[in-house]
C-alpha atoms as a PDB file:
ATOM      1  CA  MET A   1      -5.288  20.512 -11.981  1.00  0.00           C
ATOM      2  CA  ARG A   2      -8.286  18.779 -11.546  1.00  0.00           C
ATOM      3  CA  ARG A   3      -9.414  17.710  -8.386  1.00  0.00           C
ATOM      4  CA  PRO A   4     -11.449  14.747  -6.809  1.00  0.00           C
ATOM      5  CA  PRO A   5     -14.803  15.843  -5.130  1.00  0.00           C
ATOM      6  CA  HIS A   6     -14.936  16.859  -1.266  1.00  0.00           C
ATOM      7  CA  SER A   7     -15.641  13.870   0.604  1.00  0.00           C
ATOM      8  CA  GLY A   8     -14.076  11.607   3.060  1.00  0.00           C
ATOM      9  CA  ALA A   9     -12.278  10.292   5.713  1.00  0.00           C
ATOM     10  CA  ARG A  10     -10.150  12.453   8.666  1.00  0.00           C
ATOM     11  CA  GLY A  11      -6.544  11.842   9.476  1.00  0.00           C
ATOM     12  CA  PRO A  12      -5.304  10.611  12.375  1.00  0.00           C
ATOM     13  CA  GLY A  13      -4.771  11.820  15.643  1.00  0.00           C
ATOM     14  CA  ALA A  14      -8.379  12.175  16.634  1.00  0.00           C
ATOM     15  CA  GLY A  15      -9.565  14.419  19.203  1.00  0.00           C
ATOM     16  CA  ALA A  16      -7.901  17.568  18.888  1.00  0.00           C
ATOM     17  CA  GLN A  17      -9.198  20.599  18.175  1.00  0.00           C
ATOM     18  CA  SER A  18      -8.881  23.596  15.940  1.00  0.00           C
ATOM     19  CA  ARG A  19      -7.593  26.751  17.020  1.00  0.00           C
ATOM     20  CA  HIS A  20      -8.879  27.910  13.714  1.00  0.00           C
ATOM     21  CA  ARG A  21     -12.291  26.031  12.714  1.00  0.00           C
ATOM     22  CA  ALA A  22     -13.391  23.579  14.905  1.00  0.00           C
ATOM     23  CA  PRO A  23     -15.559  21.356  13.846  1.00  0.00           C
ATOM     24  CA  SER A  24     -18.370  20.379  15.657  1.00  0.00           C
ATOM     25  CA  ALA A  25     -19.768  16.793  17.332  1.00  0.00           C
ATOM     26  CA  ALA A  26     -22.784  16.826  14.743  1.00  0.00           C
ATOM     27  CA  ARG A  27     -20.645  17.276  12.081  1.00  0.00           C
ATOM     28  CA  VAL A  28     -17.826  14.960  13.111  1.00  0.00           C
ATOM     29  CA  ARG A  29     -20.231  12.164  13.375  1.00  0.00           C
ATOM     30  CA  ARG A  30     -21.677  13.109   9.548  1.00  0.00           C
ATOM     31  CA  ARG A  31     -18.486  12.808   8.469  1.00  0.00           C
ATOM     32  CA  ARG A  32     -17.813   9.266  10.272  1.00  0.00           C
ATOM     33  CA  HIS A  33     -21.250   7.843   9.355  1.00  0.00           C
ATOM     34  CA  ARG A  34     -20.535   8.696   5.416  1.00  0.00           C
ATOM     35  CA  ALA A  35     -17.152   7.742   5.338  1.00  0.00           C
ATOM     36  CA  ARG A  36     -18.848   4.417   7.209  1.00  0.00           C
ATOM     37  CA  GLY A  37     -20.854   3.680   5.114  1.00  0.00           C
ATOM     38  CA  GLY A  38     -22.312   0.850   5.857  1.00  0.00           C
ATOM     39  CA  LEU A  39     -18.991  -1.519   4.001  1.00  0.00           C
ATOM     40  CA  PRO A  40     -16.617  -3.518   5.859  1.00  0.00           C
ATOM     41  CA  ARG A  41     -14.098  -1.079   7.480  1.00  0.00           C
ATOM     42  CA  ARG A  42     -11.207  -1.859   9.717  1.00  0.00           C
ATOM     43  CA  ALA A  43      -7.869  -0.260  11.263  1.00  0.00           C
ATOM     44  CA  THR A  44      -5.029  -2.873  10.469  1.00  0.00           C
ATOM     45  CA  ALA A  45      -1.305  -3.143  11.501  1.00  0.00           C
ATOM     46  CA  GLN A  46       1.416  -3.713   8.778  1.00  0.00           C
ATOM     47  CA  ARG A  47       5.022  -3.638   7.702  1.00  0.00           C
ATOM     48  CA  GLY A  48       6.838  -0.704   6.134  1.00  0.00           C
ATOM     49  CA  ALA A  49       7.072  -0.680   2.058  1.00  0.00           C
ATOM     50  CA  ALA A  50      10.760  -0.514   1.472  1.00  0.00           C
ATOM     51  CA  GLY A  51      12.498  -3.586   0.543  1.00  0.00           C
ATOM     52  CA  ALA A  52       9.036  -4.759  -1.685  1.00  0.00           C
ATOM     53  CA  LEU A  53       8.765  -5.737  -5.404  1.00  0.00           C
ATOM     54  CA  PHE A  54       6.360  -5.066  -7.654  1.00  0.00           C
ATOM     55  CA  LEU A  55       4.501  -8.121  -9.800  1.00  0.00           C
ATOM     56  CA  ARG A  56       2.602  -7.820 -12.949  1.00  0.00           C
ATOM     57  CA  ILE A  57       1.854 -10.895 -13.977  1.00  0.00           C
ATOM     58  CA  ARG A  58      -0.098 -12.500 -17.107  1.00  0.00           C
ATOM     59  CA  VAL A  59      -1.920 -15.321 -17.001  1.00  0.00           C
ATOM     60  CA  LEU A  60      -4.111 -17.487 -19.536  1.00  0.00           C
ATOM     61  CA  ARG A  61      -7.580 -16.236 -19.861  1.00  0.00           C
ATOM     62  CA  GLY A  62      -9.581 -18.401 -17.333  1.00  0.00           C
ATOM     63  CA  LYS A  63      -7.280 -18.683 -14.846  1.00  0.00           C
ATOM     64  CA  LEU A  64      -6.916 -15.435 -13.072  1.00  0.00           C
ATOM     65  CA  ASP A  65      -8.948 -16.635 -10.197  1.00  0.00           C
ATOM     66  CA  THR A  66      -7.100 -19.224  -9.444  1.00  0.00           C
ATOM     67  CA  ILE A  67      -4.010 -17.570 -10.186  1.00  0.00           C
ATOM     68  CA  ALA A  68      -4.969 -14.169  -7.610  1.00  0.00           C
ATOM     69  CA  SER A  69      -6.406 -16.857  -5.079  1.00  0.00           C
ATOM     70  CA  ALA A  70      -3.438 -18.470  -4.722  1.00  0.00           C
ATOM     71  CA  LEU A  71      -0.897 -15.376  -4.376  1.00  0.00           C
ATOM     72  CA  ALA A  72      -4.058 -13.737  -1.544  1.00  0.00           C
ATOM     73  CA  ALA A  73      -3.100 -17.004   0.769  1.00  0.00           C
ATOM     74  CA  ARG A  74       0.444 -15.933   0.788  1.00  0.00           C
ATOM     75  CA  GLU A  75       1.625 -13.976   3.970  1.00  0.00           C
ATOM     76  CA  ASP A  76       4.026 -12.428   1.827  1.00  0.00           C
ATOM     77  CA  ILE A  77       1.590 -10.822  -0.462  1.00  0.00           C
ATOM     78  CA  PRO A  78      -0.287  -7.641   1.311  1.00  0.00           C
ATOM     79  CA  PHE A  79      -1.532  -6.159  -1.902  1.00  0.00           C
ATOM     80  CA  ILE A  80      -3.253  -7.992  -4.906  1.00  0.00           C
ATOM     81  CA  ASP A  81      -5.704  -6.004  -7.966  1.00  0.00           C
ATOM     82  CA  VAL A  82      -6.528  -7.203 -10.862  1.00  0.00           C
ATOM     83  CA  THR A  83      -7.339  -5.077 -13.901  1.00  0.00           C
ATOM     84  CA  THR A  84     -10.041  -4.389 -16.586  1.00  0.00           C
ATOM     85  CA  SER A  85      -8.039  -6.412 -19.216  1.00  0.00           C
ATOM     86  CA  GLY A  86      -8.520 -10.257 -18.114  1.00  0.00           C
ATOM     87  CA  ASP A  87      -5.338 -11.404 -17.976  1.00  0.00           C
ATOM     88  CA  GLU A  88      -3.191  -9.299 -15.576  1.00  0.00           C
ATOM     89  CA  ILE A  89      -2.633  -8.958 -11.671  1.00  0.00           C
ATOM     90  CA  PHE A  90      -0.961  -6.450  -9.815  1.00  0.00           C
ATOM     91  CA  ALA A  91       0.952  -6.938  -6.789  1.00  0.00           C
ATOM     92  CA  VAL A  92       3.267  -6.461  -4.182  1.00  0.00           C
ATOM     93  CA  ALA A  93       5.470  -8.856  -2.708  1.00  0.00           C
ATOM     94  CA  ARG A  94       7.613  -8.423   0.702  1.00  0.00           C
ATOM     95  CA  THR A  95      11.460  -9.524  -0.012  1.00  0.00           C
ATOM     96  CA  GLU A  96      14.867  -8.696   0.880  1.00  0.00           C
ATOM     97  CA  PRO A  97      16.565  -6.364  -2.021  1.00  0.00           C
ATOM     98  CA  GLY A  98      19.111  -8.559  -4.353  1.00  0.00           C
ATOM     99  CA  SER A  99      17.573 -11.482  -3.451  1.00  0.00           C
ATOM    100  CA  ARG A 100      16.519 -14.426  -5.556  1.00  0.00           C
ATOM    101  CA  ASP A 101      13.106 -14.733  -4.273  1.00  0.00           C
ATOM    102  CA  PRO A 102      11.794 -18.507  -4.499  1.00  0.00           C
ATOM    103  CA  LEU A 103       8.077 -17.160  -5.583  1.00  0.00           C
ATOM    104  CA  VAL A 104       9.738 -14.807  -8.569  1.00  0.00           C
ATOM    105  CA  PHE A 105      12.362 -16.885  -9.964  1.00  0.00           C
ATOM    106  CA  ARG A 106      11.156 -20.373  -9.395  1.00  0.00           C
ATOM    107  CA  GLN A 107       7.170 -21.018  -7.940  1.00  0.00           C
ATOM    108  CA  LEU A 108       5.579 -18.615 -10.588  1.00  0.00           C
ATOM    109  CA  PRO A 109       7.577 -18.970 -13.709  1.00  0.00           C
ATOM    110  CA  SER A 110       6.884 -22.609 -13.654  1.00  0.00           C
ATOM    111  CA  THR A 111       3.184 -22.244 -12.933  1.00  0.00           C
ATOM    112  CA  GLN A 112       1.801 -23.352 -16.248  1.00  0.00           C
ATOM    113  CA  ALA A 113      -0.977 -20.975 -15.884  1.00  0.00           C
ATOM    114  CA  VAL A 114       1.601 -17.928 -16.052  1.00  0.00           C
ATOM    115  CA  THR A 115       2.449 -16.732 -19.710  1.00  0.00           C
ATOM    116  CA  SER A 116       4.911 -13.413 -18.660  1.00  0.00           C
ATOM    117  CA  LEU A 117       6.048 -11.944 -15.312  1.00  0.00           C
ATOM    118  CA  GLU A 118       7.642  -8.603 -14.143  1.00  0.00           C
ATOM    119  CA  SER A 119       9.024  -7.481 -11.151  1.00  0.00           C
ATOM    120  CA  ALA A 120      10.806  -4.035 -10.314  1.00  0.00           C
ATOM    121  CA  THR A 121      12.531  -3.335  -6.525  1.00  0.00           C
ATOM    122  CA  ILE A 122      10.909  -0.320  -5.026  1.00  0.00           C
ATOM    123  CA  LEU A 123      14.071   2.238  -4.349  1.00  0.00           C
ATOM    124  CA  HIS A 124      12.361   5.245  -3.080  1.00  0.00           C
ATOM    125  CA  VAL A 125       9.045   5.885  -1.398  1.00  0.00           C
ATOM    126  CA  PHE A 126       7.110   9.309  -2.499  1.00  0.00           C
ATOM    127  CA  ARG A 127       3.991   8.335  -0.850  1.00  0.00           C
ATOM    128  CA  LEU A 128       1.901   5.530   0.833  1.00  0.00           C
ATOM    129  CA  THR A 129      -1.502   4.445   0.873  1.00  0.00           C
ATOM    130  CA  SER A 130      -1.338   4.997   4.581  1.00  0.00           C
ATOM    131  CA  GLU A 131      -0.164   8.560   4.031  1.00  0.00           C
ATOM    132  CA  TRP A 132      -3.289   9.442   1.348  1.00  0.00           C
ATOM    133  CA  ARG A 133      -5.760  11.953   2.601  1.00  0.00           C
ATOM    134  CA  HIS A 134      -8.867  13.020   0.309  1.00  0.00           C
ATOM    135  CA  GLN A 135      -9.221  17.118   0.306  1.00  0.00           C
ATOM    136  CA  VAL A 136     -12.366  17.117   3.415  1.00  0.00           C
ATOM    137  CA  LEU A 137     -11.260  19.079   6.064  1.00  0.00           C
ATOM    138  CA  THR A 138      -9.602  22.504   6.263  1.00  0.00           C
ATOM    139  CA  THR A 139      -5.873  22.909   6.849  1.00  0.00           C
ATOM    140  CA  PRO A 140      -6.032  24.020  10.089  1.00  0.00           C
ATOM    141  CA  GLU A 141      -8.729  20.968  10.783  1.00  0.00           C
ATOM    142  CA  ARG A 142      -5.859  18.586   9.414  1.00  0.00           C
ATOM    143  CA  VAL A 143      -3.031  20.289  11.416  1.00  0.00           C
ATOM    144  CA  ALA A 144      -5.014  19.499  14.438  1.00  0.00           C
ATOM    145  CA  LEU A 145      -6.032  16.471  14.273  1.00  0.00           C
ATOM    146  CA  THR A 146      -2.746  14.557  12.917  1.00  0.00           C
ATOM    147  CA  ARG A 147      -0.361  14.175  15.611  1.00  0.00           C
ATOM    148  CA  ALA A 148       3.804  15.009  14.850  1.00  0.00           C
ATOM    149  CA  ARG A 149       5.644  12.181  13.626  1.00  0.00           C
ATOM    150  CA  PRO A 150       8.339  10.689  15.517  1.00  0.00           C
ATOM    151  CA  VAL A 151      12.120  11.284  14.607  1.00  0.00           C
ATOM    152  CA  PRO A 152      13.085   7.653  12.824  1.00  0.00           C
ATOM    153  CA  LEU A 153      15.385   5.912  15.075  1.00  0.00           C
ATOM    154  CA  ALA A 154      18.588   4.465  13.666  1.00  0.00           C
ATOM    155  CA  ALA A 155      18.678   0.664  13.435  1.00  0.00           C
ATOM    156  CA  ALA A 156      20.288  -1.604  16.010  1.00  0.00           C
ATOM    157  CA  PRO A 157      24.164  -2.418  15.061  1.00  0.00           C
ATOM    158  CA  ASP A 158      22.560  -6.239  15.041  1.00  0.00           C
ATOM    159  CA  SER A 159      19.482  -4.983  13.254  1.00  0.00           C
ATOM    160  CA  PRO A 160      18.648  -7.519  10.306  1.00  0.00           C
ATOM    161  CA  GLY A 161      18.318  -4.312   8.212  1.00  0.00           C
ATOM    162  CA  PRO A 162      15.388  -1.682   7.628  1.00  0.00           C
ATOM    163  CA  TYR A 163      13.070  -3.680   5.954  1.00  0.00           C
ATOM    164  CA  GLY A 164      11.559  -5.221   8.481  1.00  0.00           C
ATOM    165  CA  ILE A 165      11.736  -8.570   6.766  1.00  0.00           C
ATOM    166  CA  ASP A 166      13.280 -10.632  10.017  1.00  0.00           C
ATOM    167  CA  THR A 167      11.852 -10.212  13.180  1.00  0.00           C
ATOM    168  CA  ASP A 168      12.340 -11.868  16.818  1.00  0.00           C
ATOM    169  CA  ALA A 169       9.480 -13.371  18.573  1.00  0.00           C
ATOM    170  CA  LEU A 170       8.378 -10.518  20.176  1.00  0.00           C
ATOM    171  CA  GLU A 171       8.150  -8.372  17.206  1.00  0.00           C
ATOM    172  CA  GLN A 172       6.234 -11.432  15.454  1.00  0.00           C
ATOM    173  CA  SER A 173       3.870 -11.797  17.880  1.00  0.00           C
ATOM    174  CA  LEU A 174       2.660  -7.968  18.224  1.00  0.00           C
ATOM    175  CA  ILE A 175       2.374  -7.810  14.390  1.00  0.00           C
ATOM    176  CA  ASN A 176       0.151 -11.039  14.610  1.00  0.00           C
ATOM    177  CA  ALA A 177      -2.158  -9.834  17.030  1.00  0.00           C
ATOM    178  CA  LEU A 178      -2.422  -6.062  15.716  1.00  0.00           C
ATOM    179  CA  THR A 179      -3.139  -7.126  11.651  1.00  0.00           C
ATOM    180  CA  PRO A 180      -6.680  -8.674  12.786  1.00  0.00           C
ATOM    181  CA  ASP A 181      -7.242  -5.250  14.561  1.00  0.00           C
ATOM    182  CA  ALA A 182      -5.009  -2.607  15.199  1.00  0.00           C
ATOM    183  CA  ARG A 183      -7.228  -0.998  17.599  1.00  0.00           C
ATOM    184  CA  LEU A 184      -6.120  -3.072  20.713  1.00  0.00           C
ATOM    185  CA  THR A 185      -4.533  -1.505  23.608  1.00  0.00           C
ATOM    186  CA  ALA A 186      -0.749  -1.919  25.643  1.00  0.00           C
ATOM    187  CA  ALA A 187      -2.730  -3.730  27.891  1.00  0.00           C
ATOM    188  CA  ALA A 188      -4.538  -6.046  25.967  1.00  0.00           C
ATOM    189  CA  LEU A 189      -1.670  -6.550  23.716  1.00  0.00           C
ATOM    190  CA  ALA A 190       0.322  -7.600  26.827  1.00  0.00           C
ATOM    191  CA  ALA A 191      -2.031  -9.842  27.740  1.00  0.00           C
ATOM    192  CA  CYS A 192      -2.332 -11.092  24.640  1.00  0.00           C
ATOM    193  CA  ILE A 193       1.018 -12.218  24.081  1.00  0.00           C
ATOM    194  CA  GLY A 194       1.956 -12.303  27.267  1.00  0.00           C
ATOM    195  CA  HIS A 195       4.606  -9.812  28.111  1.00  0.00           C
ATOM    196  CA  PRO A 196       4.516  -6.781  30.249  1.00  0.00           C
ATOM    197  CA  GLU A 197       2.691  -3.736  29.275  1.00  0.00           C
ATOM    198  CA  THR A 198       5.788  -1.565  29.974  1.00  0.00           C
ATOM    199  CA  THR A 199       7.661  -3.884  27.172  1.00  0.00           C
ATOM    200  CA  VAL A 200       4.635  -3.432  24.486  1.00  0.00           C
ATOM    201  CA  ARG A 201       4.555   0.192  24.582  1.00  0.00           C
ATOM    202  CA  ARG A 202       8.431   0.656  24.314  1.00  0.00           C
ATOM    203  CA  ARG A 203       8.371  -2.290  21.419  1.00  0.00           C
ATOM    204  CA  ILE A 204       4.952  -0.493  19.569  1.00  0.00           C
ATOM    205  CA  ALA A 205       7.244   2.652  19.808  1.00  0.00           C
ATOM    206  CA  GLN A 206      10.331   1.702  18.070  1.00  0.00           C
ATOM    207  CA  LEU A 207       8.834  -0.313  15.249  1.00  0.00           C
ATOM    208  CA  THR A 208       6.385   2.584  14.633  1.00  0.00           C
ATOM    209  CA  ALA A 209       9.256   5.298  15.097  1.00  0.00           C
ATOM    210  CA  GLN A 210      11.579   2.844  12.650  1.00  0.00           C
ATOM    211  CA  GLY A 211       9.041   3.122   9.959  1.00  0.00           C
ATOM    212  CA  ARG A 212       8.498  -0.986  10.071  1.00  0.00           C
ATOM    213  CA  LEU A 213       5.017  -1.028  11.431  1.00  0.00           C
ATOM    214  CA  ILE A 214       2.189   1.055  10.164  1.00  0.00           C
ATOM    215  CA  THR A 215      -1.170   1.097  11.186  1.00  0.00           C
ATOM    216  CA  GLN A 216      -3.813   2.189   8.933  1.00  0.00           C
ATOM    217  CA  VAL A 217      -7.664   2.488   8.713  1.00  0.00           C
ATOM    218  CA  ILE A 218      -9.135   0.696   5.582  1.00  0.00           C
ATOM    219  CA  VAL A 219     -12.607   2.237   4.022  1.00  0.00           C
ATOM    220  CA  ASP A 220     -13.889   1.554   0.464  1.00  0.00           C
ATOM    221  CA  PRO A 221     -12.601   4.673  -1.458  1.00  0.00           C
ATOM    222  CA  ARG A 222     -16.341   3.770  -3.649  1.00  0.00           C
ATOM    223  CA  ARG A 223     -17.885   5.421  -0.636  1.00  0.00           C
ATOM    224  CA  LEU A 224     -15.911   8.748  -0.922  1.00  0.00           C
ATOM    225  CA  GLY A 225     -17.140   9.245  -4.366  1.00  0.00           C
ATOM    226  CA  LEU A 226     -14.021   7.420  -5.807  1.00  0.00           C
ATOM    227  CA  PRO A 227     -15.153   4.202  -8.263  1.00  0.00           C
ATOM    228  CA  ILE A 228     -11.737   4.565 -10.367  1.00  0.00           C
ATOM    229  CA  GLU A 229      -8.437   3.282  -9.512  1.00  0.00           C
ATOM    230  CA  ALA A 230      -5.638   3.404 -12.029  1.00  0.00           C
ATOM    231  CA  LYS A 231      -1.934   1.903 -11.826  1.00  0.00           C
ATOM    232  CA  LEU A 232       0.512   4.148 -13.203  1.00  0.00           C
ATOM    233  CA  LEU A 233       4.106   2.891 -14.785  1.00  0.00           C
ATOM    234  CA  LEU A 234       5.883   6.032 -16.080  1.00  0.00           C
ATOM    235  CA  HIS A 235       9.185   6.319 -17.461  1.00  0.00           C
ATOM    236  CA  VAL A 236      10.785  10.093 -16.337  1.00  0.00           C
ATOM    237  CA  ALA A 237      14.667  10.803 -16.979  1.00  0.00           C
ATOM    238  CA  PRO A 238      16.785  10.724 -14.273  1.00  0.00           C
ATOM    239  CA  ASP A 239      17.016  14.089 -13.666  1.00  0.00           C
ATOM    240  CA  HIS A 240      13.353  14.564 -13.698  1.00  0.00           C
ATOM    241  CA  LEU A 241      12.678  11.532 -11.254  1.00  0.00           C
ATOM    242  CA  ALA A 242      12.636  13.311  -7.871  1.00  0.00           C
ATOM    243  CA  ALA A 243      10.333  15.943  -8.869  1.00  0.00           C
ATOM    244  CA  ALA A 244       8.267  14.102 -10.761  1.00  0.00           C
ATOM    245  CA  GLY A 245       7.625  11.253  -7.974  1.00  0.00           C
ATOM    246  CA  GLN A 246       7.140  14.347  -5.686  1.00  0.00           C
ATOM    247  CA  ALA A 247       4.093  16.045  -7.676  1.00  0.00           C
ATOM    248  CA  LEU A 248       2.607  12.648  -7.840  1.00  0.00           C
ATOM    249  CA  ALA A 249       3.317  12.378  -3.856  1.00  0.00           C
ATOM    250  CA  ASP A 250       1.369  15.854  -3.477  1.00  0.00           C
ATOM    251  CA  HIS A 251      -2.011  15.154  -5.935  1.00  0.00           C
ATOM    252  CA  PRO A 252      -4.738  14.194  -3.786  1.00  0.00           C
ATOM    253  CA  ALA A 253      -5.848  11.778  -6.339  1.00  0.00           C
ATOM    254  CA  VAL A 254      -2.619  10.033  -6.037  1.00  0.00           C
ATOM    255  CA  HIS A 255      -2.337   6.996  -2.887  1.00  0.00           C
ATOM    256  CA  GLY A 256       1.144   5.919  -3.735  1.00  0.00           C
ATOM    257  CA  ALA A 257       4.113   7.230  -5.293  1.00  0.00           C
ATOM    258  CA  PHE A 258       7.690   5.158  -5.835  1.00  0.00           C
ATOM    259  CA  ALA A 259      10.596   4.794  -7.505  1.00  0.00           C
ATOM    260  CA  THR A 260      11.487   2.434  -8.884  1.00  0.00           C
ATOM    261  CA  SER A 261      14.086  -0.561 -10.886  1.00  0.00           C
ATOM    262  CA  GLY A 262      13.481  -1.321 -14.610  1.00  0.00           C
ATOM    263  CA  PRO A 263      12.216   0.513 -17.326  1.00  0.00           C
ATOM    264  CA  SER A 264       9.448   1.911 -16.138  1.00  0.00           C
ATOM    265  CA  ASN A 265      10.851   3.814 -13.037  1.00  0.00           C
ATOM    266  CA  LEU A 266       7.775   5.706 -11.675  1.00  0.00           C
ATOM    267  CA  HIS A 267       5.160   3.433 -10.014  1.00  0.00           C
ATOM    268  CA  ALA A 268       1.793   5.401  -8.807  1.00  0.00           C
ATOM    269  CA  ALA A 269      -1.907   4.424  -7.769  1.00  0.00           C
ATOM    270  CA  ALA A 270      -4.881   6.839  -7.909  1.00  0.00           C
ATOM    271  CA  TYR A 271      -8.375   6.966  -7.604  1.00  0.00           C
ATOM    272  CA  PHE A 272     -10.800   9.111  -9.469  1.00  0.00           C
ATOM    273  CA  PRO A 273     -14.192  10.001  -9.826  1.00  0.00           C
ATOM    274  CA  ASP A 274     -14.712   9.219 -13.229  1.00  0.00           C
ATOM    275  CA  LEU A 275     -12.715   8.375 -16.338  1.00  0.00           C
ATOM    276  CA  THR A 276     -13.154  12.048 -16.912  1.00  0.00           C
ATOM    277  CA  ALA A 277     -11.298  12.952 -14.125  1.00  0.00           C
ATOM    278  CA  LEU A 278      -8.388   9.595 -15.174  1.00  0.00           C
ATOM    279  CA  TYR A 279      -8.303  11.260 -18.909  1.00  0.00           C
ATOM    280  CA  ASP A 280      -7.551  15.003 -17.026  1.00  0.00           C
ATOM    281  CA  PHE A 281      -5.347  13.541 -14.797  1.00  0.00           C
ATOM    282  CA  LEU A 282      -2.886  12.059 -17.734  1.00  0.00           C
ATOM    283  CA  SER A 283      -3.043  15.051 -19.995  1.00  0.00           C
ATOM    284  CA  ARG A 284      -2.931  17.978 -18.306  1.00  0.00           C
ATOM    285  CA  ASP A 285      -1.350  17.177 -14.815  1.00  0.00           C
ATOM    286  CA  LEU A 286       1.550  14.784 -15.820  1.00  0.00           C
ATOM    287  CA  SER A 287       2.005  16.998 -19.150  1.00  0.00           C
ATOM    288  CA  SER A 288       4.622  18.624 -16.883  1.00  0.00           C
ATOM    289  CA  LEU A 289       6.751  16.380 -15.541  1.00  0.00           C
ATOM    290  CA  GLY A 290       8.884  15.237 -18.036  1.00  0.00           C
ATOM    291  CA  ILE A 291       7.115  11.848 -18.457  1.00  0.00           C
ATOM    292  CA  SER A 292       8.434   9.955 -21.765  1.00  0.00           C
ATOM    293  CA  HIS A 293       6.551   6.800 -21.450  1.00  0.00           C
ATOM    294  CA  ILE A 294       3.275   6.367 -19.453  1.00  0.00           C
ATOM    295  CA  GLU A 295       1.228   2.497 -19.243  1.00  0.00           C
ATOM    296  CA  THR A 296      -2.177   2.658 -17.067  1.00  0.00           C
ATOM    297  CA  ALA A 297      -4.457  -0.011 -16.207  1.00  0.00           C
ATOM    298  CA  ILE A 298      -7.349  -0.084 -14.381  1.00  0.00           C
ATOM    299  CA  VAL A 299      -8.164  -1.848 -11.595  1.00  0.00           C
ATOM    300  CA  SER A 300     -11.235  -4.146 -11.996  1.00  0.00           C
ATOM    301  CA  ARG A 301     -11.189  -5.652  -8.300  1.00  0.00           C
ATOM    302  CA  ALA A 302      -9.152  -5.452  -5.128  1.00  0.00           C
ATOM    303  CA  ILE A 303      -8.285  -9.221  -4.658  1.00  0.00           C
ATOM    304  CA  LYS A 304      -6.295  -8.416  -1.421  1.00  0.00           C
ATOM    305  CA  ARG A 305      -5.049  -4.944   0.171  1.00  0.00           C
ATOM    306  CA  THR A 306      -3.289  -6.310   3.487  1.00  0.00           C
ATOM    307  CA  PRO A 307      -2.396  -9.388   5.130  1.00  0.00           C
ATOM    308  CA  GLU A 308      -6.098 -10.983   6.111  1.00  0.00           C
ATOM    309  CA  PRO A 309      -6.112 -11.899  10.118  1.00  0.00           C
ATOM    310  CA  GLY A 310      -6.413 -15.823  10.646  1.00  0.00           C
ATOM    311  CA  PRO A 311      -3.684 -18.615  11.037  1.00  0.00           C
ATOM    312  CA  ALA A 312      -0.818 -18.956   8.197  1.00  0.00           C
ATOM    313  CA  ARG A 313      -2.005 -20.068   4.658  1.00  0.00           C
ATOM    314  CA  PRO A 314      -0.061 -22.586   2.460  1.00  0.00           C
ATOM    315  CA  ALA A 315       2.158 -20.931  -0.142  1.00  0.00           C
ATOM    316  CA  LEU A 316       1.294 -21.113  -4.008  1.00  0.00           C
ATOM    317  CA  ALA A 317       0.792 -24.641  -5.373  1.00  0.00           C
ATOM    318  CA  VAL A 318       2.671 -24.674  -9.006  1.00  0.00           C
ATOM    319  CA  ALA A 319       1.682 -27.116 -11.215  1.00  0.00           C
ATOM    320  CA  HIS A 320       5.566 -27.204 -13.239  1.00  0.00           C
ATOM    321  CA  HIS A 321       5.126 -26.953 -16.783  1.00  0.00           C
ATOM    322  CA  ARG A 322       7.263 -24.928 -19.359  1.00  0.00           C
ATOM    323  CA  PRO A 323       8.969 -21.569 -18.077  1.00  0.00           C
ATOM    324  CA  ALA A 324       7.157 -18.363 -18.539  1.00  0.00           C
ATOM    325  CA  ARG A 325       8.624 -15.511 -19.376  1.00  0.00           C
ATOM    326  CA  VAL A 326      10.250 -13.872 -16.553  1.00  0.00           C
ATOM    327  CA  ARG A 327      11.878 -10.301 -16.866  1.00  0.00           C
ATOM    328  CA  GLN A 328      13.401  -9.482 -13.383  1.00  0.00           C
ATOM    329  CA  ASP A 329      14.265  -5.639 -13.323  1.00  0.00           C
ATOM    330  CA  GLU A 330      17.294  -4.969 -10.235  1.00  0.00           C
ATOM    331  CA  GLY A 331      18.181  -1.827  -9.659  1.00  0.00           C
END
């Protein structure tokens, strides 16, 4: 199995030391400096991925930037990539499973520049981007620097559900405050939103334990020697789906792996140092996973990775014209 070169960033819980190989302060500073690399880097908070839709949107030539910019202005679209084909957009939309989302069923299909739209619902999460760890530290070092995960809490009887779409006023104010800067302390959050610090601590712990609030550091993968990102749409026989999804999640190149509805029932995203590594991954690492069909799309630009800070922006403006071809894959 080919693995990317060793370089990158540390996991969460900095401050602990390994009993086996404790990295020196100078070594930590050097690695942190390489990870930052002078490029934009920030900690951000976002809701969990459950209940989201993968969107694959094809547009008229020359209209890609217009549609991508309109999608990026929406708060319910946290991730947008455009591919090297020049007319294709991959995006993630937050929605309730089974609902007739207005963006998917009305706005995008009636947009003149959109020629086709495919959507797939996330059924199971094997690997989130926030869980991805590049292979830079030894196993003892990673163990020492990783905090134990809390036991997931059961949803309250009057909870809107596990998808984190509906929030009360306090939760929404916390999410709004943490989105531009997830490093804020409980005291700073309490002062910002006007609630007691004990209340803020309790609610943050609850949201985190339920998987409804994810905090991560955004680092440009190019600074880690990984300039190639690929989107993979795979079809796997049902009796191989769980094993294939877990194998992808365990691969060091894969930063996202999801079981989905639709003909491509396994979606993945991965970073590579070059096209040769991508070819080796496709021809060798995937050969034993029971995959019967695969589509590979190479990302040319990452338009949006997390919700941008600032006030709410207008929804997608559409020009009503002829309907586009739509395929909605329900679970």
